[in-house]
Amino acid sequence: MLAADVGVLAEMVELYSLGALFAPEDPAALARCVQEFDVSAFAPDTARFQQDHSPQAFVEAVLQSYRGEAEG
């Protein structure tokens, strides 16, 4: 995944090694990112991402929110 380095999407890309980031609103940065992205070296942590964002994890987060519990 190639994403602008802004917001939650950028945080997820970094946290789970899901791809590469480029400077927002910079077409040249996007072009460099596309050209330099090495698919063969791409090793996303998709297993952890899927575990952290499973339907069960979502339900647990919603229930914690309703209970007023802080995230663990």
Protein backbone atom coordinates (compact mmCIF):
# COMPACT_ATOMS: atom_id res chain seq x y z
CA MET A 1 0.00 0.00 0.00
CA LEU A 2 1.23 3.48 -0.81
CA ALA A 3 -0.36 6.20 1.30
CA ALA A 4 0.02 9.87 2.09
CA ASP A 5 1.88 10.41 5.36
CA VAL A 6 -1.08 11.85 7.22
CA GLY A 7 -3.66 10.66 9.70
CA VAL A 8 -4.68 7.24 10.88
CA LEU A 9 -3.97 5.53 7.57
CA ALA A 10 -0.31 6.59 7.79
CA GLU A 11 -0.18 5.33 11.38
CA MET A 12 -1.53 1.93 10.31
CA VAL A 13 0.88 1.69 7.37
CA GLU A 14 3.81 2.33 9.71
CA LEU A 15 2.59 0.25 12.65
CA TYR A 16 1.90 -2.85 10.58
CA SER A 17 4.51 -2.35 7.82
CA LEU A 18 1.74 -2.29 5.24
CA GLY A 19 3.59 -0.26 2.61
CA ALA A 20 5.28 3.08 2.02
CA LEU A 21 4.35 6.67 2.78
CA PHE A 22 4.79 9.82 0.72
CA ALA A 23 4.41 13.51 1.53
CA PRO A 24 0.80 14.62 1.12
CA GLU A 25 -0.07 17.01 -1.72
CA ASP A 26 3.27 16.30 -3.41
CA PRO A 27 2.88 14.56 -6.79
CA ALA A 28 6.65 14.21 -7.16
CA ALA A 29 6.85 12.43 -3.79
CA LEU A 30 4.12 10.04 -4.89
CA ALA A 31 5.96 9.37 -8.16
CA ARG A 32 9.21 8.64 -6.26
CA CYS A 33 7.33 6.37 -3.88
CA VAL A 34 5.86 4.38 -6.77
CA GLN A 35 9.22 4.10 -8.52
CA GLU A 36 11.19 3.19 -5.39
CA PHE A 37 8.72 0.78 -3.79
CA ASP A 38 10.42 -2.62 -3.64
CA VAL A 39 7.72 -5.27 -3.78
CA SER A 40 10.26 -8.03 -3.22
CA ALA A 41 11.26 -6.50 0.13
CA PHE A 42 7.65 -5.88 1.15
CA ALA A 43 6.90 -7.82 4.35
CA PRO A 44 3.65 -6.56 5.84
CA ASP A 45 2.58 -7.69 9.29
CA THR A 46 -0.86 -8.62 7.99
CA ALA A 47 -1.39 -11.42 10.50
CA ARG A 48 -1.09 -8.98 13.41
CA PHE A 49 -3.21 -6.39 11.55
CA GLN A 50 -5.95 -8.96 10.97
CA GLN A 51 -5.82 -10.07 14.59
CA ASP A 52 -5.93 -6.50 15.92
CA HIS A 53 -8.80 -5.59 13.57
CA SER A 54 -10.88 -8.76 13.66
CA PRO A 55 -14.64 -8.56 14.21
CA GLN A 56 -14.06 -9.79 17.77
CA ALA A 57 -11.49 -7.06 18.45
CA PHE A 58 -13.98 -4.49 17.15
CA VAL A 59 -16.73 -5.79 19.43
CA GLU A 60 -14.40 -5.73 22.42
CA ALA A 61 -13.33 -2.15 21.64
CA VAL A 62 -16.96 -1.03 21.33
CA LEU A 63 -17.89 -2.69 24.62
CA GLN A 64 -14.90 -1.08 26.35
CA SER A 65 -16.01 2.26 24.99
CA TYR A 66 -19.55 1.82 26.29
CA ARG A 67 -18.22 0.79 29.68
CA GLY A 68 -15.94 3.81 29.76
CA GLU A 69 -12.84 1.63 30.02
CA ALA A 70 -9.52 2.92 28.79
CA GLU A 71 -7.85 1.07 25.92
CA GLY A 72 -5.42 -1.54 27.26
